[in-house]
N, C-alpha and C. Protein backbone atom coordinates (compact mmCIF):
# COMPACT_ATOMS: atom_id res chain seq x y z
N MET A 1 41.40 46.28 3.37
CA MET A 1 40.82 45.05 3.47
C MET A 1 39.69 44.95 2.16
N TRP A 2 38.96 46.13 1.98
CA TRP A 2 37.49 46.11 0.95
C TRP A 2 38.45 46.00 -0.53
N GLN A 3 39.52 46.02 -0.74
CA GLN A 3 39.90 46.27 -2.30
C GLN A 3 40.04 44.84 -2.44
N ARG A 4 40.60 44.14 -1.51
CA ARG A 4 40.72 42.49 -1.90
C ARG A 4 39.67 41.94 -2.23
N ILE A 5 38.46 41.99 -1.86
CA ILE A 5 37.12 41.44 -2.27
C ILE A 5 36.84 42.08 -3.48
N PRO A 6 36.59 40.94 -4.52
CA PRO A 6 35.73 41.79 -5.76
C PRO A 6 34.57 42.33 -5.69
N PRO A 7 34.48 43.36 -6.82
CA PRO A 7 33.71 44.49 -6.62
C PRO A 7 32.32 43.78 -6.53
N PHE A 8 31.76 42.38 -7.24
CA PHE A 8 30.81 41.87 -6.97
C PHE A 8 30.18 41.38 -5.96
N PHE A 9 31.27 41.12 -5.13
CA PHE A 9 30.44 40.77 -3.57
C PHE A 9 30.58 41.75 -2.59
N ARG A 10 30.71 43.18 -3.08
CA ARG A 10 30.99 44.23 -2.30
C ARG A 10 29.57 45.04 -2.67
N ASN A 11 28.57 44.52 -3.72
CA ASN A 11 27.34 45.23 -3.90
C ASN A 11 26.76 44.93 -2.89
N LYS A 12 25.69 46.12 -2.33
CA LYS A 12 24.66 45.91 -1.46
C LYS A 12 23.78 44.95 -1.84
N TYR A 13 23.22 45.12 -2.82
CA TYR A 13 22.24 43.91 -2.96
C TYR A 13 22.87 42.41 -3.13
N VAL A 14 23.94 42.01 -3.33
CA VAL A 14 24.24 40.62 -3.17
C VAL A 14 24.47 40.42 -1.75
N ILE A 15 25.13 41.54 -1.01
CA ILE A 15 24.98 41.20 0.58
C ILE A 15 24.00 41.26 1.22
N ALA A 16 22.70 41.60 0.86
CA ALA A 16 21.38 41.99 1.25
C ALA A 16 20.77 40.41 1.06
N GLY A 17 21.15 40.09 -0.18
CA GLY A 17 20.54 38.86 -0.75
C GLY A 17 21.01 37.34 -0.17
N PHE A 18 22.36 37.50 0.21
CA PHE A 18 23.38 36.67 0.75
C PHE A 18 22.77 36.70 2.02
N THR A 19 22.63 38.02 2.85
CA THR A 19 22.27 37.81 4.27
C THR A 19 20.66 37.23 4.34
N LEU A 20 19.99 37.57 3.38
CA LEU A 20 18.62 36.93 3.35
C LEU A 20 18.55 35.50 3.25
N LEU A 21 19.04 34.80 2.27
CA LEU A 21 19.57 33.40 2.13
C LEU A 21 19.63 33.04 3.60
N VAL A 22 20.86 33.18 3.91
CA VAL A 22 21.24 32.75 5.15
C VAL A 22 20.33 32.87 6.34
N TRP A 23 19.32 33.88 6.11
CA TRP A 23 18.76 33.60 7.10
C TRP A 23 17.51 32.87 7.06
N LEU A 24 17.03 32.65 6.00
CA LEU A 24 16.02 31.76 5.60
C LEU A 24 16.23 30.10 5.68
N ILE A 25 17.50 30.20 5.16
CA ILE A 25 18.17 28.99 5.71
C ILE A 25 18.41 28.09 7.12
N PHE A 26 18.84 29.55 7.56
CA PHE A 26 19.17 28.79 9.13
C PHE A 26 18.40 29.35 10.31
N PHE A 27 17.87 30.58 10.48
CA PHE A 27 17.19 31.33 11.23
C PHE A 27 15.52 31.13 11.10
N ASP A 28 15.17 31.16 10.25
CA ASP A 28 13.51 31.48 10.15
C ASP A 28 12.78 30.60 10.66
N ARG A 29 11.29 31.02 11.09
CA ARG A 29 10.83 29.95 11.74
C ARG A 29 10.66 28.68 10.81
N ASN A 30 10.25 28.86 9.13
CA ASN A 30 10.17 27.97 8.37
C ASN A 30 11.81 27.69 7.77
N ASN A 31 12.50 27.39 8.58
CA ASN A 31 13.81 27.47 7.89
C ASN A 31 13.81 25.79 6.85
N PHE A 32 15.02 25.54 6.16
CA PHE A 32 15.16 24.90 5.50
C PHE A 32 15.55 23.44 5.98
N ILE A 33 16.05 23.57 7.48
CA ILE A 33 16.05 21.99 8.20
C ILE A 33 14.79 21.62 8.41
N ALA A 34 14.05 22.78 8.99
CA ALA A 34 12.65 22.34 9.59
C ALA A 34 11.97 21.64 8.38
N GLN A 35 11.83 22.45 7.10
CA GLN A 35 11.08 21.80 6.34
C GLN A 35 11.44 20.20 5.65
N VAL A 36 13.16 20.22 5.63
CA VAL A 36 13.38 18.45 5.28
C VAL A 36 12.95 17.72 6.47
N LYS A 37 12.92 18.19 7.98
CA LYS A 37 12.13 17.38 9.06
C LYS A 37 10.47 17.17 8.29
N LEU A 38 9.90 17.99 8.23
CA LEU A 38 8.59 17.73 8.10
C LEU A 38 8.08 17.20 6.97
N GLY A 39 8.92 17.10 5.98
CA GLY A 39 8.67 16.43 4.56
C GLY A 39 9.05 15.06 4.93
N SER A 40 9.73 14.46 5.84
CA SER A 40 9.91 13.43 6.21
C SER A 40 9.14 12.63 7.11
N ILE A 41 8.64 13.37 7.98
CA ILE A 41 7.52 13.04 8.91
C ILE A 41 6.11 13.20 7.76
N LEU A 42 6.22 13.53 6.84
CA LEU A 42 5.05 13.69 6.06
C LEU A 42 4.74 12.46 4.98
N ASN A 43 6.12 11.86 4.72
CA ASN A 43 6.31 10.57 4.06
C ASN A 43 5.93 9.65 4.94
N GLU A 44 6.46 9.55 6.05
CA GLU A 44 6.16 8.63 7.13
C GLU A 44 4.59 8.61 7.52
N GLN A 45 3.58 9.63 7.45
CA GLN A 45 2.54 9.47 7.98
C GLN A 45 1.52 8.97 6.56
N ARG A 46 2.39 9.41 5.33
CA ARG A 46 1.93 8.94 4.22
C ARG A 46 2.07 7.03 4.00
N GLN A 47 2.93 6.97 4.52
CA GLN A 47 3.14 5.53 4.12
C GLN A 47 2.08 5.16 5.31
N GLN A 48 2.02 5.46 6.36
CA GLN A 48 1.12 4.70 7.57
C GLN A 48 -0.34 4.85 6.95
N LYS A 49 -0.51 6.01 6.52
CA LYS A 49 -1.85 5.75 5.79
C LYS A 49 -2.13 4.98 4.79
N GLU A 50 -1.21 4.62 3.84
CA GLU A 50 -1.90 3.64 3.14
C GLU A 50 -1.72 2.10 3.47
N TYR A 51 -0.53 1.72 4.34
CA TYR A 51 -0.90 0.38 5.28
C TYR A 51 -2.03 0.49 5.87
N TYR A 52 -2.28 1.30 6.44
CA TYR A 52 -3.91 1.32 7.67
C TYR A 52 -5.12 0.97 6.49
N ASN A 53 -5.23 1.88 5.43
CA ASN A 53 -5.89 1.49 4.29
C ASN A 53 -6.05 0.57 3.73
N ASN A 54 -4.57 -0.21 3.67
CA ASN A 54 -4.52 -1.94 2.81
C ASN A 54 -5.33 -2.66 4.26
N GLU A 55 -4.99 -2.13 5.67
CA GLU A 55 -5.81 -3.25 6.70
C GLU A 55 -7.06 -3.31 6.62
N ILE A 56 -8.09 -1.81 6.65
CA ILE A 56 -8.95 -1.73 6.57
C ILE A 56 -9.28 -2.12 5.36
N LYS A 57 -9.24 -2.53 4.28
CA LYS A 57 -9.60 -3.15 3.34
C LYS A 57 -9.45 -4.76 3.26
N ARG A 58 -8.33 -5.10 3.71
CA ARG A 58 -8.23 -6.75 4.72
C ARG A 58 -9.07 -6.99 5.81
N ASP A 59 -9.59 -6.08 6.43
CA ASP A 59 -10.42 -6.42 7.32
C ASP A 59 -11.90 -6.57 6.81
N SER A 60 -12.26 -5.65 6.22
CA SER A 60 -13.30 -5.29 5.11
C SER A 60 -14.10 -6.35 4.55
N ALA A 61 -12.84 -7.14 3.87
CA ALA A 61 -13.24 -8.02 3.17
C ALA A 61 -13.20 -9.40 3.99
N ALA A 62 -12.75 -9.68 5.29
CA ALA A 62 -12.85 -10.71 6.20
C ALA A 62 -13.91 -10.87 6.82
N ILE A 63 -14.28 -9.42 7.33
CA ILE A 63 -15.71 -9.61 7.63
C ILE A 63 -16.88 -9.83 6.75
N HIS A 64 -17.09 -9.29 5.64
CA HIS A 64 -17.90 -9.36 4.65
C HIS A 64 -17.86 -11.31 4.45
N ASP A 65 -16.74 -11.85 4.18
CA ASP A 65 -16.67 -13.22 4.20
C ASP A 65 -17.27 -13.65 5.04
N ILE A 66 -16.87 -13.34 6.45
CA ILE A 66 -17.51 -14.04 7.52
C ILE A 66 -19.15 -13.89 7.83
N LEU A 67 -19.23 -12.72 7.45
CA LEU A 67 -21.09 -12.41 7.96
C LEU A 67 -21.82 -13.20 6.49
N THR A 68 -21.23 -13.40 5.36
CA THR A 68 -22.17 -14.23 4.39
C THR A 68 -21.91 -15.69 4.06
N ASP A 69 -20.65 -16.21 4.75
CA ASP A 69 -20.71 -17.32 4.78
C ASP A 69 -20.72 -18.28 6.09
N SER A 70 -21.35 -19.30 6.31
CA SER A 70 -21.60 -19.93 7.51
C SER A 70 -20.41 -21.08 7.81
N VAL A 71 -19.72 -21.33 6.96
CA VAL A 71 -18.53 -22.05 7.20
C VAL A 71 -17.62 -21.41 7.70
N SER A 72 -17.40 -20.13 7.16
CA SER A 72 -16.27 -19.56 7.44
C SER A 72 -16.44 -18.85 8.58
N LEU A 73 -17.47 -18.56 9.15
CA LEU A 73 -18.23 -17.99 10.49
C LEU A 73 -17.72 -19.00 11.76
N GLU A 74 -17.81 -20.52 11.31
CA GLU A 74 -17.81 -21.50 12.50
C GLU A 74 -16.29 -21.32 12.05
N LYS A 75 -15.51 -21.28 11.22
CA LYS A 75 -14.20 -21.36 11.44
C LYS A 75 -13.46 -20.68 12.06
N PHE A 76 -13.97 -18.92 11.92
CA PHE A 76 -13.44 -18.28 12.82
C PHE A 76 -13.99 -18.40 14.47
N ALA A 77 -15.06 -18.63 14.71
CA ALA A 77 -15.64 -19.12 16.03
C ALA A 77 -14.86 -19.90 16.45
N ARG A 78 -14.36 -21.02 15.81
CA ARG A 78 -13.57 -22.29 16.73
C ARG A 78 -12.03 -21.34 16.62
N GLU A 79 -11.53 -21.05 15.88
CA GLU A 79 -10.00 -20.50 15.73
C GLU A 79 -9.46 -19.45 16.98
N LYS A 80 -10.67 -18.28 16.76
CA LYS A 80 -10.30 -17.30 17.61
C LYS A 80 -10.84 -17.54 19.10
N TYR A 81 -12.14 -17.92 19.11
CA TYR A 81 -12.90 -18.09 20.52
C TYR A 81 -12.81 -19.30 21.27
N LEU A 82 -12.37 -20.17 20.68
CA LEU A 82 -12.13 -21.69 21.12
C LEU A 82 -13.67 -22.35 21.27
N MET A 83 -14.52 -22.03 20.30
CA MET A 83 -15.69 -22.70 20.70
C MET A 83 -15.87 -23.87 20.21
N LYS A 84 -16.86 -24.99 20.83
CA LYS A 84 -16.88 -26.23 20.11
C LYS A 84 -18.47 -26.57 20.05
N ARG A 85 -18.34 -28.12 19.54
CA ARG A 85 -19.69 -28.59 19.42
C ARG A 85 -20.12 -29.07 20.75
N ASP A 86 -21.16 -29.61 21.23
CA ASP A 86 -21.33 -30.60 21.99
C ASP A 86 -20.66 -31.66 22.38
N ASN A 87 -20.83 -32.27 21.39
CA ASN A 87 -20.01 -33.67 21.49
C ASN A 87 -18.54 -33.72 21.02
N GLU A 88 -17.95 -32.51 21.24
CA GLU A 88 -16.39 -32.38 20.98
C GLU A 88 -15.60 -32.07 22.29
N ASP A 89 -14.39 -32.56 22.00
CA ASP A 89 -13.46 -32.13 23.34
C ASP A 89 -12.44 -31.15 22.32
N ILE A 90 -11.71 -30.06 23.38
CA ILE A 90 -10.63 -29.48 22.57
C ILE A 90 -8.95 -29.57 23.39
N TYR A 91 -8.34 -29.99 22.66
CA TYR A 91 -7.19 -30.11 23.19
C TYR A 91 -6.51 -29.07 22.71
N LEU A 92 -5.64 -28.26 23.86
CA LEU A 92 -4.61 -27.09 23.17
C LEU A 92 -3.53 -27.50 23.21
N ILE A 93 -2.56 -27.20 22.56
CA ILE A 93 -0.89 -27.52 22.55
C ILE A 93 -0.43 -26.33 22.95
N VAL A 94 0.16 -25.73 23.80
CA VAL A 94 1.03 -24.59 24.14
C VAL A 94 2.48 -24.97 23.89
N GLU A 95 2.88 -24.18 23.03
CA GLU A 95 4.51 -24.47 22.93
C GLU A 95 5.29 -23.40 23.84
N GLU A 96 5.93 -23.98 24.89
CA GLU A 96 6.92 -22.92 25.59
C GLU A 96 8.13 -22.84 24.79
N LYS A 97 8.84 -21.34 25.14
CA LYS A 97 9.59 -21.04 24.83
C LYS A 97 11.25 -21.69 25.06
N GLU A 98 11.77 -22.17 24.36
CA GLU A 98 13.05 -22.76 25.10
C GLU A 98 14.09 -21.83 25.93
N ALA A 99 14.43 -22.32 26.96
CA ALA A 99 15.11 -21.71 27.74
C ALA A 99 16.64 -21.00 27.32
N GLU A 100 16.63 -19.64 27.41
CA GLU A 100 17.74 -19.01 27.06
C GLU A 100 19.07 -19.20 27.32
N GLU A 101 20.06 -19.73 26.51
CA GLU A 101 21.32 -20.45 26.97
C GLU A 101 22.19 -19.39 27.42
N LYS A 102 23.05 -19.04 28.65
CA LYS A 102 23.85 -18.16 28.47
C LYS A 102 25.14 -18.40 28.54
């Protein structure tokens, strides 16, 4: 049976190298499959970091705008907390969702 295998593949260094390669790809603690999964998790975390940094910048700009401009502060208070002046009435219009058709 050994005579049918080409001499290159019977070399002990090739066999040891192939065994090491198989071990590193499938069985090692830091195998190739785990590295691919960790790479995808890392990319997802980087995208979340970018998203949250953009949200922080947007919120910081909104806070700065509210703290420096009295008109925007009043607008924010009226919209968010339903505040009103003494001589005003507020009417809230709440839209109900349509009944789901079966």
